[in-house]
Amino acid sequence: MYRTRCQTSRTLALAAASTLLLGGHAMASPIVVLNDGASKDLIISRGDYYIHMFSNELTIDPYVPTEYPAHNSVRIAFDYILGGVLVGGISGNALAEWPPLPIPTPALVSQGGLRLKDQFIDTSYAFAEPYFDPTDGGTNVAAISHGTSPFSDFNLSTFTQSGDMAYIGYASSDFSIFGYMQIERVTEVDWKLIGYAFDTSGSGILVEQLVVPGPSMLGLLAAPLAMRSKRRA
């Protein structure tokens, strides 16, 4: 598969302490991957890309209908149809039959309407989960969708300003890893990727705003955070 790799992304390991107590939740420091490189202005919400969700390096793959996407990746597709009707969905990667277990496609938070900031995501949250059929080896991937009915997972129309932030919560299919993605509104259907964070402890993750640091912020970040750059040669 041809892949576009964003080699200028910055990975921040939040390692001020090995374990943090936040809101009564014991939480290991998450891995934070920011989209601060060449793809920072890329529109990732038109169904053209899959974003790897458990990679320490930001990796965005083009959507190729004839190929299976990378494992544990997410595709975002927002658009207008039928003379201006807003539609949208977020889904995990498809899998070939008889994939390895645990199923390598993510579960997606279906609770909170993409307004998850300051919430602690763990197994108490409602998730759309992938389903593996052991009789034929097929997998139904997890997906959440836009709509205005009470049964919809989120409503894009509630985000009205350029620069509004939305948060997509996710987990590995066996709930051993929790994470979230932050995206920034440009228009109703055009969104940019700010970055994502994930915690491999299995205890959950606190959703906090991810900020791409400018030069003036790097000195302030150095004291509380242990920073390291991840670049592929």
C-alpha atoms as a PDB file:
ATOM      1  CA  MET A   1       0.000   0.000   0.000  1.00  0.00           C
ATOM      2  CA  TYR A   2       1.195   3.488  -0.818  1.00  0.00           C
ATOM      3  CA  ARG A   3       1.322   5.612   2.296  1.00  0.00           C
ATOM      4  CA  THR A   4       1.781   9.308   2.962  1.00  0.00           C
ATOM      5  CA  ARG A   5       3.782   9.565   6.183  1.00  0.00           C
ATOM      6  CA  CYS A   6       3.890  12.862   8.049  1.00  0.00           C
ATOM      7  CA  GLN A   7       7.468  12.709   9.233  1.00  0.00           C
ATOM      8  CA  THR A   8       7.487  16.170  10.794  1.00  0.00           C
ATOM      9  CA  SER A   9       4.900  15.311  13.458  1.00  0.00           C
ATOM     10  CA  ARG A  10       5.935  15.798  17.090  1.00  0.00           C
ATOM     11  CA  THR A  11       5.252  13.080  19.647  1.00  0.00           C
ATOM     12  CA  LEU A  12       4.926  14.293  23.238  1.00  0.00           C
ATOM     13  CA  ALA A  13       5.262  11.713  25.997  1.00  0.00           C
ATOM     14  CA  LEU A  14       3.539  13.168  29.050  1.00  0.00           C
ATOM     15  CA  ALA A  15       5.985  11.692  31.534  1.00  0.00           C
ATOM     16  CA  ALA A  16       6.049  14.156  34.410  1.00  0.00           C
ATOM     17  CA  ALA A  17       4.976  11.227  36.559  1.00  0.00           C
ATOM     18  CA  SER A  18       4.494   7.548  35.860  1.00  0.00           C
ATOM     19  CA  THR A  19       0.949   7.684  37.246  1.00  0.00           C
ATOM     20  CA  LEU A  20      -1.391  10.664  37.625  1.00  0.00           C
ATOM     21  CA  LEU A  21      -4.480  10.945  39.800  1.00  0.00           C
ATOM     22  CA  LEU A  22      -7.117  13.011  37.967  1.00  0.00           C
ATOM     23  CA  GLY A  23     -10.704  13.353  39.141  1.00  0.00           C
ATOM     24  CA  GLY A  24     -10.383  10.176  41.199  1.00  0.00           C
ATOM     25  CA  HIS A  25      -9.036   8.166  38.249  1.00  0.00           C
ATOM     26  CA  ALA A  26      -5.562   6.667  38.363  1.00  0.00           C
ATOM     27  CA  MET A  27      -4.180   7.296  34.903  1.00  0.00           C
ATOM     28  CA  ALA A  28      -0.813   6.562  33.321  1.00  0.00           C
ATOM     29  CA  SER A  29       0.646   9.322  31.185  1.00  0.00           C
ATOM     30  CA  PRO A  30      -0.793   9.159  27.654  1.00  0.00           C
ATOM     31  CA  ILE A  31       1.126   9.360  24.396  1.00  0.00           C
ATOM     32  CA  VAL A  32       0.213  12.525  22.485  1.00  0.00           C
ATOM     33  CA  VAL A  33       0.856  12.846  18.745  1.00  0.00           C
ATOM     34  CA  LEU A  34       0.391  16.287  17.198  1.00  0.00           C
ATOM     35  CA  ASN A  35      -0.185  17.136  13.564  1.00  0.00           C
ATOM     36  CA  ASP A  36       2.299  19.994  13.376  1.00  0.00           C
ATOM     37  CA  GLY A  37       4.055  19.065  10.144  1.00  0.00           C
ATOM     38  CA  ALA A  38       3.338  19.305   6.445  1.00  0.00           C
ATOM     39  CA  SER A  39      -0.193  17.895   6.823  1.00  0.00           C
ATOM     40  CA  LYS A  40      -1.381  20.385   9.461  1.00  0.00           C
ATOM     41  CA  ASP A  41      -3.771  22.112   7.013  1.00  0.00           C
ATOM     42  CA  LEU A  42      -4.908  18.916   5.296  1.00  0.00           C
ATOM     43  CA  ILE A  43      -8.688  18.408   5.222  1.00  0.00           C
ATOM     44  CA  ILE A  44      -9.153  14.896   6.579  1.00  0.00           C
ATOM     45  CA  SER A  45     -12.981  14.823   6.765  1.00  0.00           C
ATOM     46  CA  ARG A  46     -14.008  14.119   3.160  1.00  0.00           C
ATOM     47  CA  GLY A  47     -13.404  10.381   3.235  1.00  0.00           C
ATOM     48  CA  ASP A  48     -10.028  10.577   1.496  1.00  0.00           C
ATOM     49  CA  TYR A  49      -7.796   9.287   4.302  1.00  0.00           C
ATOM     50  CA  TYR A  50      -7.322   6.751   7.074  1.00  0.00           C
ATOM     51  CA  ILE A  51      -5.547   7.974  10.208  1.00  0.00           C
ATOM     52  CA  HIS A  52      -3.568   5.519  12.346  1.00  0.00           C
ATOM     53  CA  MET A  53      -4.767   5.793  15.927  1.00  0.00           C
ATOM     54  CA  PHE A  54      -2.161   3.830  17.904  1.00  0.00           C
ATOM     55  CA  SER A  55       0.994   4.970  16.131  1.00  0.00           C
ATOM     56  CA  ASN A  56       3.677   7.000  17.914  1.00  0.00           C
ATOM     57  CA  GLU A  57       4.291   8.760  14.589  1.00  0.00           C
ATOM     58  CA  LEU A  58       1.498  10.550  12.786  1.00  0.00           C
ATOM     59  CA  THR A  59       0.622   8.440   9.749  1.00  0.00           C
ATOM     60  CA  ILE A  60      -2.118   9.294   7.260  1.00  0.00           C
ATOM     61  CA  ASP A  61      -2.888   6.834   4.460  1.00  0.00           C
ATOM     62  CA  PRO A  62      -4.867   7.653   1.310  1.00  0.00           C
ATOM     63  CA  TYR A  63      -8.202   5.838   1.056  1.00  0.00           C
ATOM     64  CA  VAL A  64      -7.911   3.270  -1.722  1.00  0.00           C
ATOM     65  CA  PRO A  65     -11.188   1.367  -2.334  1.00  0.00           C
ATOM     66  CA  THR A  66      -9.396  -1.733  -3.645  1.00  0.00           C
ATOM     67  CA  GLU A  67      -7.082  -2.080  -0.634  1.00  0.00           C
ATOM     68  CA  TYR A  68      -7.582  -2.884   3.014  1.00  0.00           C
ATOM     69  CA  PRO A  69      -6.606   0.037   5.266  1.00  0.00           C
ATOM     70  CA  ALA A  70      -3.980  -0.212   7.969  1.00  0.00           C
ATOM     71  CA  HIS A  71      -5.098  -1.831  11.205  1.00  0.00           C
ATOM     72  CA  ASN A  72      -6.602   0.354  13.942  1.00  0.00           C
ATOM     73  CA  SER A  73      -7.193   3.368  11.724  1.00  0.00           C
ATOM     74  CA  VAL A  74     -10.164   5.724  11.382  1.00  0.00           C
ATOM     75  CA  ARG A  75     -11.837   7.301   8.342  1.00  0.00           C
ATOM     76  CA  ILE A  76     -13.960  10.481   8.555  1.00  0.00           C
ATOM     77  CA  ALA A  77     -16.453  11.249   5.766  1.00  0.00           C
ATOM     78  CA  PHE A  78     -18.617  14.407   5.868  1.00  0.00           C
ATOM     79  CA  ASP A  79     -20.456  15.751   2.807  1.00  0.00           C
ATOM     80  CA  TYR A  80     -23.661  17.112   1.288  1.00  0.00           C
ATOM     81  CA  ILE A  81     -26.063  15.026  -0.817  1.00  0.00           C
ATOM     82  CA  LEU A  82     -29.466  15.474  -2.459  1.00  0.00           C
ATOM     83  CA  GLY A  83     -29.275  19.221  -2.878  1.00  0.00           C
ATOM     84  CA  GLY A  84     -27.556  20.090   0.345  1.00  0.00           C
ATOM     85  CA  VAL A  85     -28.491  17.450   2.941  1.00  0.00           C
ATOM     86  CA  LEU A  86     -25.652  17.121   5.428  1.00  0.00           C
ATOM     87  CA  VAL A  87     -24.430  13.566   5.988  1.00  0.00           C
ATOM     88  CA  GLY A  88     -21.464  12.287   7.923  1.00  0.00           C
ATOM     89  CA  GLY A  89     -19.895   9.222   9.424  1.00  0.00           C
ATOM     90  CA  ILE A  90     -16.772   8.062  11.236  1.00  0.00           C
ATOM     91  CA  SER A  91     -15.732   4.426  10.889  1.00  0.00           C
ATOM     92  CA  GLY A  92     -12.940   2.042  11.728  1.00  0.00           C
ATOM     93  CA  ASN A  93     -10.856   0.241   9.136  1.00  0.00           C
ATOM     94  CA  ALA A  94     -12.249  -2.722   7.190  1.00  0.00           C
ATOM     95  CA  LEU A  95     -10.603  -6.113   7.630  1.00  0.00           C
ATOM     96  CA  ALA A  96     -10.018  -9.147   5.491  1.00  0.00           C
ATOM     97  CA  GLU A  97     -11.710 -12.375   6.607  1.00  0.00           C
ATOM     98  CA  TRP A  98     -10.267 -14.181   9.610  1.00  0.00           C
ATOM     99  CA  PRO A  99      -8.284 -11.266  11.029  1.00  0.00           C
ATOM    100  CA  PRO A 100      -5.970 -11.765  14.011  1.00  0.00           C
ATOM    101  CA  LEU A 101      -7.508 -11.407  17.446  1.00  0.00           C
ATOM    102  CA  PRO A 102      -8.187  -9.124  19.211  1.00  0.00           C
ATOM    103  CA  ILE A 103      -9.897  -7.620  16.177  1.00  0.00           C
ATOM    104  CA  PRO A 104      -7.507  -4.890  14.867  1.00  0.00           C
ATOM    105  CA  THR A 105     -10.168  -2.268  14.143  1.00  0.00           C
ATOM    106  CA  PRO A 106     -11.220   0.268  16.790  1.00  0.00           C
ATOM    107  CA  ALA A 107     -14.331   0.702  18.878  1.00  0.00           C
ATOM    108  CA  LEU A 108     -15.729   4.270  18.750  1.00  0.00           C
ATOM    109  CA  VAL A 109     -17.332   6.316  21.530  1.00  0.00           C
ATOM    110  CA  SER A 110     -21.010   6.791  20.657  1.00  0.00           C
ATOM    111  CA  GLN A 111     -21.733   8.883  23.744  1.00  0.00           C
ATOM    112  CA  GLY A 112     -21.180  12.625  24.085  1.00  0.00           C
ATOM    113  CA  GLY A 113     -21.742  13.882  20.519  1.00  0.00           C
ATOM    114  CA  LEU A 114     -18.042  14.665  19.828  1.00  0.00           C
ATOM    115  CA  ARG A 115     -18.125  16.997  22.838  1.00  0.00           C
ATOM    116  CA  LEU A 116     -15.921  14.942  25.090  1.00  0.00           C
ATOM    117  CA  LYS A 117     -13.515  17.577  26.380  1.00  0.00           C
ATOM    118  CA  ASP A 118     -12.769  17.239  30.110  1.00  0.00           C
ATOM    119  CA  GLN A 119     -14.451  13.821  30.246  1.00  0.00           C
ATOM    120  CA  PHE A 120     -12.728  10.609  31.314  1.00  0.00           C
ATOM    121  CA  ILE A 121     -13.294   7.853  28.760  1.00  0.00           C
ATOM    122  CA  ASP A 122     -13.249   4.291  30.029  1.00  0.00           C
ATOM    123  CA  THR A 123     -15.401   1.151  29.845  1.00  0.00           C
ATOM    124  CA  SER A 124     -18.323   2.970  31.492  1.00  0.00           C
ATOM    125  CA  TYR A 125     -18.873   4.894  28.229  1.00  0.00           C
ATOM    126  CA  ALA A 126     -21.149   3.715  25.431  1.00  0.00           C
ATOM    127  CA  PHE A 127     -19.158   2.491  22.435  1.00  0.00           C
ATOM    128  CA  ALA A 128     -19.977   1.319  18.941  1.00  0.00           C
ATOM    129  CA  GLU A 129     -18.001  -1.899  18.795  1.00  0.00           C
ATOM    130  CA  PRO A 130     -16.730  -4.019  15.906  1.00  0.00           C
ATOM    131  CA  TYR A 131     -18.172  -7.506  15.704  1.00  0.00           C
ATOM    132  CA  PHE A 132     -16.328 -10.616  14.554  1.00  0.00           C
ATOM    133  CA  ASP A 133     -18.387 -13.547  13.286  1.00  0.00           C
ATOM    134  CA  PRO A 134     -16.513 -16.768  14.123  1.00  0.00           C
ATOM    135  CA  THR A 135     -18.698 -18.769  11.746  1.00  0.00           C
ATOM    136  CA  ASP A 136     -17.509 -17.087   8.549  1.00  0.00           C
ATOM    137  CA  GLY A 137     -14.525 -14.973   9.654  1.00  0.00           C
ATOM    138  CA  GLY A 138     -16.154 -11.683   8.707  1.00  0.00           C
ATOM    139  CA  THR A 139     -16.034  -8.441  10.717  1.00  0.00           C
ATOM    140  CA  ASN A 140     -18.566  -5.639  10.973  1.00  0.00           C
ATOM    141  CA  VAL A 141     -16.570  -2.510  11.781  1.00  0.00           C
ATOM    142  CA  ALA A 142     -17.647   0.141  14.278  1.00  0.00           C
ATOM    143  CA  ALA A 143     -19.173   3.367  12.952  1.00  0.00           C
ATOM    144  CA  ILE A 144     -20.883   6.467  14.364  1.00  0.00           C
ATOM    145  CA  SER A 145     -22.919   8.955  12.347  1.00  0.00           C
ATOM    146  CA  HIS A 146     -24.237  12.504  12.119  1.00  0.00           C
ATOM    147  CA  GLY A 147     -27.908  13.282  12.458  1.00  0.00           C
ATOM    148  CA  THR A 148     -30.504  15.403  14.223  1.00  0.00           C
ATOM    149  CA  SER A 149     -32.600  12.592  15.728  1.00  0.00           C
ATOM    150  CA  PRO A 150     -32.194  11.433  19.336  1.00  0.00           C
ATOM    151  CA  PHE A 151     -30.727   8.190  17.967  1.00  0.00           C
ATOM    152  CA  SER A 152     -27.850   9.924  16.158  1.00  0.00           C
ATOM    153  CA  ASP A 153     -24.375   9.791  17.630  1.00  0.00           C
ATOM    154  CA  PHE A 154     -23.402  13.421  16.924  1.00  0.00           C
ATOM    155  CA  ASN A 155     -24.682  16.541  15.165  1.00  0.00           C
ATOM    156  CA  LEU A 156     -22.197  18.492  13.056  1.00  0.00           C
ATOM    157  CA  SER A 157     -24.582  21.467  12.887  1.00  0.00           C
ATOM    158  CA  THR A 158     -23.994  22.199  16.582  1.00  0.00           C
ATOM    159  CA  PHE A 159     -20.443  23.244  15.690  1.00  0.00           C
ATOM    160  CA  THR A 160     -20.916  26.675  14.134  1.00  0.00           C
ATOM    161  CA  GLN A 161     -17.621  28.578  14.181  1.00  0.00           C
ATOM    162  CA  SER A 162     -14.364  28.153  12.305  1.00  0.00           C
ATOM    163  CA  GLY A 163     -11.892  26.909  14.879  1.00  0.00           C
ATOM    164  CA  ASP A 164     -14.422  24.892  16.905  1.00  0.00           C
ATOM    165  CA  MET A 165     -12.891  21.683  18.236  1.00  0.00           C
ATOM    166  CA  ALA A 166     -14.488  18.233  18.238  1.00  0.00           C
ATOM    167  CA  TYR A 167     -13.224  15.070  19.943  1.00  0.00           C
ATOM    168  CA  ILE A 168     -13.598  11.506  18.690  1.00  0.00           C
ATOM    169  CA  GLY A 169     -13.155   8.908  21.402  1.00  0.00           C
ATOM    170  CA  TYR A 170     -11.960   5.417  20.566  1.00  0.00           C
ATOM    171  CA  ALA A 171     -10.495   2.229  22.007  1.00  0.00           C
ATOM    172  CA  SER A 172      -8.937  -0.999  20.846  1.00  0.00           C
ATOM    173  CA  SER A 173     -11.528  -3.712  20.267  1.00  0.00           C
ATOM    174  CA  ASP A 174     -10.564  -5.450  23.529  1.00  0.00           C
ATOM    175  CA  PHE A 175     -10.543  -2.133  25.473  1.00  0.00           C
ATOM    176  CA  SER A 176      -6.907  -2.491  26.468  1.00  0.00           C
ATOM    177  CA  ILE A 177      -6.098   0.951  24.965  1.00  0.00           C
ATOM    178  CA  PHE A 178      -8.196   4.133  25.113  1.00  0.00           C
ATOM    179  CA  GLY A 179      -7.683   7.297  23.081  1.00  0.00           C
ATOM    180  CA  TYR A 180      -9.215  10.326  21.428  1.00  0.00           C
ATOM    181  CA  MET A 181      -8.685  12.411  18.296  1.00  0.00           C
ATOM    182  CA  GLN A 182      -9.075  16.195  18.150  1.00  0.00           C
ATOM    183  CA  ILE A 183     -10.265  17.821  14.917  1.00  0.00           C
ATOM    184  CA  GLU A 184     -10.762  21.511  14.086  1.00  0.00           C
ATOM    185  CA  ARG A 185     -13.697  22.930  12.114  1.00  0.00           C
ATOM    186  CA  VAL A 186     -12.968  24.915   8.940  1.00  0.00           C
ATOM    187  CA  THR A 187     -16.472  24.580   7.473  1.00  0.00           C
ATOM    188  CA  GLU A 188     -19.372  22.306   8.359  1.00  0.00           C
ATOM    189  CA  VAL A 189     -17.864  19.447   6.360  1.00  0.00           C
ATOM    190  CA  ASP A 190     -14.193  20.452   6.228  1.00  0.00           C
ATOM    191  CA  TRP A 191     -12.130  19.608   9.304  1.00  0.00           C
ATOM    192  CA  LYS A 192      -8.396  19.521  10.040  1.00  0.00           C
ATOM    193  CA  LEU A 193      -6.593  17.097  12.319  1.00  0.00           C
ATOM    194  CA  ILE A 194      -4.975  18.612  15.416  1.00  0.00           C
ATOM    195  CA  GLY A 195      -3.710  15.307  16.748  1.00  0.00           C
ATOM    196  CA  TYR A 196      -4.603  12.367  18.936  1.00  0.00           C
ATOM    197  CA  ALA A 197      -3.717  10.813  22.274  1.00  0.00           C
ATOM    198  CA  PHE A 198      -3.881   7.270  23.595  1.00  0.00           C
ATOM    199  CA  ASP A 199      -3.185   5.466  26.848  1.00  0.00           C
ATOM    200  CA  THR A 200      -1.970   1.872  26.800  1.00  0.00           C
ATOM    201  CA  SER A 201      -2.644   1.155  30.481  1.00  0.00           C
ATOM    202  CA  GLY A 202      -6.262   0.146  29.862  1.00  0.00           C
ATOM    203  CA  SER A 203      -7.511   2.376  32.678  1.00  0.00           C
ATOM    204  CA  GLY A 204      -9.001   5.052  30.398  1.00  0.00           C
ATOM    205  CA  ILE A 205      -7.992   8.526  29.287  1.00  0.00           C
ATOM    206  CA  LEU A 206      -8.885  12.119  30.158  1.00  0.00           C
ATOM    207  CA  VAL A 207      -9.890  14.151  27.092  1.00  0.00           C
ATOM    208  CA  GLU A 208      -7.928  17.404  27.106  1.00  0.00           C
ATOM    209  CA  GLN A 209      -7.401  19.990  24.394  1.00  0.00           C
ATOM    210  CA  LEU A 210      -4.300  19.266  22.358  1.00  0.00           C
ATOM    211  CA  VAL A 211      -2.325  22.379  21.441  1.00  0.00           C
ATOM    212  CA  VAL A 212       0.369  22.511  18.792  1.00  0.00           C
ATOM    213  CA  PRO A 213       3.147  24.424  20.603  1.00  0.00           C
ATOM    214  CA  GLY A 214       4.696  27.483  18.995  1.00  0.00           C
ATOM    215  CA  PRO A 215       8.344  28.501  19.587  1.00  0.00           C
ATOM    216  CA  SER A 216       7.427  30.612  22.612  1.00  0.00           C
ATOM    217  CA  MET A 217       5.703  27.683  24.322  1.00  0.00           C
ATOM    218  CA  LEU A 218       8.506  25.161  24.037  1.00  0.00           C
ATOM    219  CA  GLY A 219      10.393  26.502  27.052  1.00  0.00           C
ATOM    220  CA  LEU A 220       7.259  26.388  29.188  1.00  0.00           C
ATOM    221  CA  LEU A 221       6.555  22.822  28.162  1.00  0.00           C
ATOM    222  CA  ALA A 222      10.067  21.614  28.897  1.00  0.00           C
ATOM    223  CA  ALA A 223       9.694  21.729  32.673  1.00  0.00           C
ATOM    224  CA  PRO A 224       6.477  19.715  33.207  1.00  0.00           C
ATOM    225  CA  LEU A 225       6.728  17.518  30.118  1.00  0.00           C
ATOM    226  CA  ALA A 226       9.360  15.164  28.811  1.00  0.00           C
ATOM    227  CA  MET A 227       9.440  15.776  25.071  1.00  0.00           C
ATOM    228  CA  ARG A 228      10.862  13.657  22.359  1.00  0.00           C
ATOM    229  CA  SER A 229      10.618  13.848  18.591  1.00  0.00           C
ATOM    230  CA  LYS A 230       9.814  10.731  16.622  1.00  0.00           C
ATOM    231  CA  ARG A 231      11.092  10.835  13.080  1.00  0.00           C
ATOM    232  CA  ARG A 232      11.582   8.088  10.598  1.00  0.00           C
ATOM    233  CA  ALA A 233      14.903   8.072   8.791  1.00  0.00           C
END
